[in-house]
Protein backbone atom coordinates (compact mmCIF):
# COMPACT_ATOMS: atom_id res chain seq x y z
CA MET A 1 87.20 116.84 111.64
CA LYS A 2 89.72 114.53 113.26
CA LEU A 3 92.68 113.50 111.11
CA THR A 4 94.07 109.99 110.98
CA ALA A 5 97.72 109.50 111.94
CA GLN A 6 98.64 109.25 108.24
CA GLN A 7 96.73 112.44 107.40
CA GLN A 8 98.40 114.26 110.30
CA LYS A 9 101.84 113.08 109.12
CA SER A 10 101.03 114.24 105.57
CA GLN A 11 99.94 117.66 106.83
CA GLU A 12 103.14 118.04 108.85
CA LEU A 13 105.25 117.00 105.85
CA LEU A 14 103.43 119.50 103.63
CA GLN A 15 103.97 122.31 106.15
CA THR A 16 107.69 121.43 106.37
CA ILE A 17 108.01 121.56 102.58
CA ILE A 18 106.15 124.87 102.25
CA THR A 19 108.17 126.50 105.02
CA LYS A 20 111.44 125.36 103.46
CA ALA A 21 110.33 126.68 100.04
CA TRP A 22 109.53 130.08 101.60
CA GLU A 23 112.94 130.23 103.27
CA ASP A 24 115.15 128.75 100.53
CA GLU A 25 114.82 129.99 96.93
CA ASN A 26 117.05 127.18 95.61
CA PHE A 27 114.88 124.55 97.26
CA LYS A 28 111.75 126.22 95.87
CA GLN A 29 113.15 126.01 92.33
CA GLU A 30 114.17 122.36 92.83
CA LEU A 31 110.70 121.64 94.20
CA ILE A 32 109.06 123.13 91.10
CA GLU A 33 111.40 121.32 88.69
CA ASP A 34 111.48 117.86 90.34
CA PRO A 35 109.12 117.71 93.33
CA ILE A 36 109.62 114.06 94.27
CA ASP A 37 113.41 114.30 94.34
CA ALA A 38 113.38 117.64 96.17
CA ILE A 39 110.99 116.38 98.86
CA GLU A 40 112.88 113.12 99.34
CA ARG A 41 116.22 114.94 99.71
CA ALA A 42 114.77 117.56 102.07
CA THR A 43 112.91 115.17 104.35
CA GLY A 44 114.71 111.86 104.02
CA GLU A 45 111.27 110.34 103.41
CA ARG A 46 110.56 108.17 100.37
CA ILE A 47 107.59 109.50 98.42
CA ARG A 48 105.33 106.97 96.72
CA LEU A 49 102.56 108.28 94.52
CA PRO A 50 99.66 106.09 93.48
CA GLU A 51 100.17 104.47 90.08
CA GLY A 52 99.40 106.84 87.23
CA LYS A 53 99.64 109.98 89.40
CA THR A 54 102.11 112.86 89.13
CA LEU A 55 103.01 115.62 91.55
CA ILE A 56 102.90 119.17 90.20
CA VAL A 57 104.20 122.12 92.21
CA LYS A 58 103.27 125.65 91.13
CA ASP A 59 104.80 128.78 92.60
CA GLN A 60 101.90 130.79 94.00
CA THR A 61 103.93 133.19 96.13
CA ASN A 62 103.14 136.31 94.09
CA THR A 63 101.13 138.36 96.58
CA SER A 64 99.65 140.53 93.82
CA ALA A 65 97.90 137.56 92.21
CA ILE A 66 94.86 135.51 93.17
CA TYR A 67 95.19 131.85 92.25
CA ILE A 68 92.38 129.46 91.45
CA ASN A 69 93.07 125.74 91.45
CA ILE A 70 90.68 123.77 89.27
CA PRO A 71 90.45 120.30 90.82
CA ALA A 72 89.62 117.14 88.93
CA GLU A 73 85.93 116.50 88.53
CA PRO A 74 84.77 113.89 91.05
CA ASN A 75 84.19 110.42 89.65
CA ILE A 76 80.84 109.40 91.07
CA GLU A 77 81.49 105.74 90.26
CA ASP A 78 84.50 105.63 92.60
CA MET A 79 83.00 107.66 95.46
CA GLU A 80 82.46 106.09 98.84
CA LEU A 81 79.91 107.89 100.98
CA ASN A 82 79.83 107.94 104.76
CA GLU A 83 76.58 107.35 106.68
CA GLU A 84 75.66 111.05 106.81
CA GLN A 85 76.19 111.44 103.06
CA LEU A 86 74.19 108.28 102.33
CA GLU A 87 71.28 109.64 104.39
CA ALA A 88 71.46 112.96 102.54
CA VAL A 89 71.38 111.21 99.17
CA ALA A 90 68.50 108.99 100.26
CA GLY A 91 66.60 112.13 101.31
CA GLY A 92 67.24 113.82 97.99
CA SER A 93 69.94 116.22 99.15
CA ALA A 94 73.13 116.91 97.26
CA VAL A 95 76.50 115.92 98.72
CA TRP A 96 78.76 118.05 96.50
CA THR A 97 80.82 120.67 98.25
CA PHE A 98 82.83 123.46 96.71
CA PRO A 99 85.25 125.85 98.37
CA ILE A 100 84.01 129.33 99.18
CA ILE A 101 86.28 132.01 97.80
CA ASN A 102 86.00 135.53 99.18
CA LEU A 103 87.51 137.94 96.66
CA PRO A 104 87.78 141.65 97.47
CA THR A 105 85.17 143.64 95.55
CA ASN A 106 86.90 146.98 95.92
CA PRO A 107 90.69 146.46 95.93
CA SER A 108 91.56 149.87 97.38
CA LYS A 109 88.88 149.72 100.08
CA ASP A 110 89.32 146.04 100.99
CA GLY A 111 93.09 146.27 101.30
CA PHE A 112 93.84 144.16 98.25
CA LYS A 113 97.58 143.59 98.11
C-alpha cells in the first residue's frame, strides 16, 4: 500500500515521538500527561486534531504484558468504499477487516517474555 505524502509525514512524526519516549523518561511522562503540548514542544510542529477528538497516550512499554487496543466500532454511514470494496459488497462479500493477533500458547516454549 502506497502512502500519501501526508500519511508518510505522519508516520515519520509518530516514529520520532516513539523513539524520543523510549530514550527520555521525562518526555514519556509529559507525553502521557499532555500529549499535544509534549509533541508540539518536541517537534516544533503544531498539532491540530479534528473537532471533537482527543489524543490519548498509554504507556505500553511493559514487556511482560500483552496489550489489546479496542478501536471504535466503524460507522457504516460515514464509510467511503474504494472500487474493490464496492465490488466485494456488490458480490455479497464482507469488507470488514480485523487485526490478526498471534499470542503464544505455551509461554515457556514460545519464549514469552
